[in-house]
Amino acid sequence: MIDRIRLTAAAKIQLSTLKRKTGIEHYNSICRHALCLSLAEPSMPPEEEFSYNGGVEIDWKTFTGGFEDLYINLLLQRLKQDGVAGSSENIKKLCAGHLHRGLSYLAGRGDSYLADAVGK
């Protein structure tokens, strides 16, 4: 269904900044937190056409930390909640939208928010 997570150049900069400020070693850990933070919001992320030039890619299995089914089910549940069909394309769009919104939330809240969340 999802093989790779693609992030924009702006998201890559946000990840690098969060990684540097929090000391969290891996992008995938930050991305998992960002996705869940956005999924917890009742609103849908805005519809966007992302440009992935200069961005970064993360393997889906690395992103999920071995919990592929959990993350697919979280995304499917959110699609159902939002009244959107659970197609492969919709799952990919939903994941990208929530992931980018979650990274913006984390970047906007400052480094202390994420550091506190992971006990740094």
C-alpha atoms as a PDB file:
ATOM      1  CA  MET A   1       0.000   0.000   0.000  1.00  0.00           C
ATOM      2  CA  ILE A   2       2.639   2.524   1.084  1.00  0.00           C
ATOM      3  CA  ASP A   3       6.267   1.751   0.255  1.00  0.00           C
ATOM      4  CA  ARG A   4       7.919   5.058   1.069  1.00  0.00           C
ATOM      5  CA  ILE A   5       7.045   8.253   2.877  1.00  0.00           C
ATOM      6  CA  ARG A   6       7.995  11.322   0.863  1.00  0.00           C
ATOM      7  CA  LEU A   7       8.580  14.681   2.514  1.00  0.00           C
ATOM      8  CA  THR A   8       9.024  18.120   1.023  1.00  0.00           C
ATOM      9  CA  ALA A   9      12.167  20.237   1.285  1.00  0.00           C
ATOM     10  CA  ALA A  10      10.416  22.406   3.903  1.00  0.00           C
ATOM     11  CA  ALA A  11       9.588  19.298   5.958  1.00  0.00           C
ATOM     12  CA  LYS A  12      13.210  18.173   5.673  1.00  0.00           C
ATOM     13  CA  ILE A  13      14.342  21.498   7.126  1.00  0.00           C
ATOM     14  CA  GLN A  14      11.795  21.189   9.941  1.00  0.00           C
ATOM     15  CA  LEU A  15      13.002  17.660  10.677  1.00  0.00           C
ATOM     16  CA  SER A  16      16.653  18.715  10.700  1.00  0.00           C
ATOM     17  CA  THR A  17      15.896  21.584  13.071  1.00  0.00           C
ATOM     18  CA  LEU A  18      13.828  19.387  15.403  1.00  0.00           C
ATOM     19  CA  LYS A  19      16.479  16.672  15.326  1.00  0.00           C
ATOM     20  CA  ARG A  20      19.242  19.125  16.188  1.00  0.00           C
ATOM     21  CA  LYS A  21      17.309  20.865  18.964  1.00  0.00           C
ATOM     22  CA  THR A  22      15.896  17.749  20.612  1.00  0.00           C
ATOM     23  CA  GLY A  23      18.744  15.315  20.140  1.00  0.00           C
ATOM     24  CA  ILE A  24      16.370  12.733  18.670  1.00  0.00           C
ATOM     25  CA  GLU A  25      18.537  10.701  16.333  1.00  0.00           C
ATOM     26  CA  HIS A  26      16.142   9.523  13.650  1.00  0.00           C
ATOM     27  CA  TYR A  27      13.663  11.307  11.409  1.00  0.00           C
ATOM     28  CA  ASN A  28      11.226   8.404  11.621  1.00  0.00           C
ATOM     29  CA  SER A  29      10.718   8.920  15.381  1.00  0.00           C
ATOM     30  CA  ILE A  30       9.894  12.580  14.880  1.00  0.00           C
ATOM     31  CA  CYS A  31       7.634  11.753  11.933  1.00  0.00           C
ATOM     32  CA  ARG A  32       5.641   9.166  13.907  1.00  0.00           C
ATOM     33  CA  HIS A  33       5.003  11.734  16.619  1.00  0.00           C
ATOM     34  CA  ALA A  34       4.050  14.368  14.040  1.00  0.00           C
ATOM     35  CA  LEU A  35       1.591  12.031  12.305  1.00  0.00           C
ATOM     36  CA  CYS A  36      -0.159  11.110  15.545  1.00  0.00           C
ATOM     37  CA  LEU A  37      -0.251  14.733  16.685  1.00  0.00           C
ATOM     38  CA  SER A  38      -2.051  15.724  13.493  1.00  0.00           C
ATOM     39  CA  LEU A  39      -4.378  12.702  13.515  1.00  0.00           C
ATOM     40  CA  ALA A  40      -5.511  13.738  17.011  1.00  0.00           C
ATOM     41  CA  GLU A  41      -6.855  17.008  15.593  1.00  0.00           C
ATOM     42  CA  PRO A  42     -10.542  16.832  14.620  1.00  0.00           C
ATOM     43  CA  SER A  43     -10.054  18.873  11.440  1.00  0.00           C
ATOM     44  CA  MET A  44      -8.702  17.563   8.167  1.00  0.00           C
ATOM     45  CA  PRO A  45      -5.382  18.941   6.936  1.00  0.00           C
ATOM     46  CA  PRO A  46      -5.708  21.325   4.002  1.00  0.00           C
ATOM     47  CA  GLU A  47      -5.623  19.822   0.512  1.00  0.00           C
ATOM     48  CA  GLU A  48      -2.172  20.500  -0.911  1.00  0.00           C
ATOM     49  CA  GLU A  49      -0.114  19.443  -3.885  1.00  0.00           C
ATOM     50  CA  PHE A  50       3.298  18.735  -2.436  1.00  0.00           C
ATOM     51  CA  SER A  51       6.552  19.194  -4.326  1.00  0.00           C
ATOM     52  CA  TYR A  52       9.041  16.622  -3.138  1.00  0.00           C
ATOM     53  CA  ASN A  53      12.079  18.092  -4.919  1.00  0.00           C
ATOM     54  CA  GLY A  54      14.903  18.446  -2.428  1.00  0.00           C
ATOM     55  CA  GLY A  55      12.939  16.554   0.200  1.00  0.00           C
ATOM     56  CA  VAL A  56      13.608  13.260   1.890  1.00  0.00           C
ATOM     57  CA  GLU A  57      12.179   9.745   1.650  1.00  0.00           C
ATOM     58  CA  ILE A  58      11.727   7.270   4.476  1.00  0.00           C
ATOM     59  CA  ASP A  59      10.998   3.594   3.937  1.00  0.00           C
ATOM     60  CA  TRP A  60       7.494   2.728   5.215  1.00  0.00           C
ATOM     61  CA  LYS A  61       8.773  -0.098   7.439  1.00  0.00           C
ATOM     62  CA  THR A  62      11.357   2.220   8.974  1.00  0.00           C
ATOM     63  CA  PHE A  63       8.762   4.941   9.443  1.00  0.00           C
ATOM     64  CA  THR A  64       6.362   2.585  11.239  1.00  0.00           C
ATOM     65  CA  GLY A  65       9.024   0.949  13.370  1.00  0.00           C
ATOM     66  CA  GLY A  66       7.690  -2.488  12.481  1.00  0.00           C
ATOM     67  CA  PHE A  67       4.065  -1.576  13.242  1.00  0.00           C
ATOM     68  CA  GLU A  68       2.873  -1.224   9.650  1.00  0.00           C
ATOM     69  CA  ASP A  69      -0.627  -2.563  10.351  1.00  0.00           C
ATOM     70  CA  LEU A  70      -1.131  -0.191  13.273  1.00  0.00           C
ATOM     71  CA  TYR A  71      -0.366   2.896  11.189  1.00  0.00           C
ATOM     72  CA  ILE A  72      -2.419   1.690   8.207  1.00  0.00           C
ATOM     73  CA  ASN A  73      -5.346   1.070  10.547  1.00  0.00           C
ATOM     74  CA  LEU A  74      -4.958   4.527  12.134  1.00  0.00           C
ATOM     75  CA  LEU A  75      -5.088   6.064   8.669  1.00  0.00           C
ATOM     76  CA  LEU A  76      -8.031   3.900   7.583  1.00  0.00           C
ATOM     77  CA  GLN A  77      -9.925   4.813  10.736  1.00  0.00           C
ATOM     78  CA  ARG A  78      -9.324   8.493  10.071  1.00  0.00           C
ATOM     79  CA  LEU A  79     -10.524   8.139   6.471  1.00  0.00           C
ATOM     80  CA  LYS A  80     -13.681   6.474   7.747  1.00  0.00           C
ATOM     81  CA  GLN A  81     -14.157   9.196  10.372  1.00  0.00           C
ATOM     82  CA  ASP A  82     -13.787  11.868   7.683  1.00  0.00           C
ATOM     83  CA  GLY A  83     -16.156  10.050   5.319  1.00  0.00           C
ATOM     84  CA  VAL A  84     -13.494   9.364   2.686  1.00  0.00           C
ATOM     85  CA  ALA A  85     -13.092   6.086   0.777  1.00  0.00           C
ATOM     86  CA  GLY A  86     -10.274   3.873   2.017  1.00  0.00           C
ATOM     87  CA  SER A  87      -8.388   3.578  -1.281  1.00  0.00           C
ATOM     88  CA  SER A  88      -4.625   3.240  -1.494  1.00  0.00           C
ATOM     89  CA  GLU A  89      -4.365   6.698  -3.065  1.00  0.00           C
ATOM     90  CA  ASN A  90      -6.463   8.282  -0.306  1.00  0.00           C
ATOM     91  CA  ILE A  91      -4.332   6.630   2.375  1.00  0.00           C
ATOM     92  CA  LYS A  92      -1.164   8.050   0.803  1.00  0.00           C
ATOM     93  CA  LYS A  93      -2.689  11.545   0.520  1.00  0.00           C
ATOM     94  CA  LEU A  94      -3.989  11.428   4.083  1.00  0.00           C
ATOM     95  CA  CYS A  95      -0.636  10.296   5.429  1.00  0.00           C
ATOM     96  CA  ALA A  96       1.230  13.048   3.585  1.00  0.00           C
ATOM     97  CA  GLY A  97      -1.223  15.735   4.664  1.00  0.00           C
ATOM     98  CA  HIS A  98      -1.215  14.740   8.322  1.00  0.00           C
ATOM     99  CA  LEU A  99       2.528  14.191   8.419  1.00  0.00           C
ATOM    100  CA  HIS A 100       3.316  17.616   6.978  1.00  0.00           C
ATOM    101  CA  ARG A 101       0.751  19.318   9.221  1.00  0.00           C
ATOM    102  CA  GLY A 102       2.118  17.513  12.269  1.00  0.00           C
ATOM    103  CA  LEU A 103       5.672  18.595  11.453  1.00  0.00           C
ATOM    104  CA  SER A 104       4.457  22.188  11.159  1.00  0.00           C
ATOM    105  CA  TYR A 105       2.800  21.856  14.569  1.00  0.00           C
ATOM    106  CA  LEU A 106       5.985  20.513  16.111  1.00  0.00           C
ATOM    107  CA  ALA A 107       8.161  23.159  14.490  1.00  0.00           C
ATOM    108  CA  GLY A 108       5.766  25.881  15.647  1.00  0.00           C
ATOM    109  CA  ARG A 109       5.591  24.646  19.232  1.00  0.00           C
ATOM    110  CA  GLY A 110       9.323  24.836  19.690  1.00  0.00           C
ATOM    111  CA  ASP A 111      11.886  22.222  20.507  1.00  0.00           C
ATOM    112  CA  SER A 112      10.886  21.892  24.168  1.00  0.00           C
ATOM    113  CA  TYR A 113       7.509  20.333  23.277  1.00  0.00           C
ATOM    114  CA  LEU A 114       8.998  17.349  21.481  1.00  0.00           C
ATOM    115  CA  ALA A 115      11.897  17.051  23.932  1.00  0.00           C
ATOM    116  CA  ASP A 116       9.400  16.883  26.821  1.00  0.00           C
ATOM    117  CA  ALA A 117       7.344  14.295  24.944  1.00  0.00           C
ATOM    118  CA  VAL A 118      10.328  11.959  24.603  1.00  0.00           C
ATOM    119  CA  GLY A 119      11.851  12.718  27.991  1.00  0.00           C
ATOM    120  CA  LYS A 120      14.855  14.783  26.891  1.00  0.00           C
END
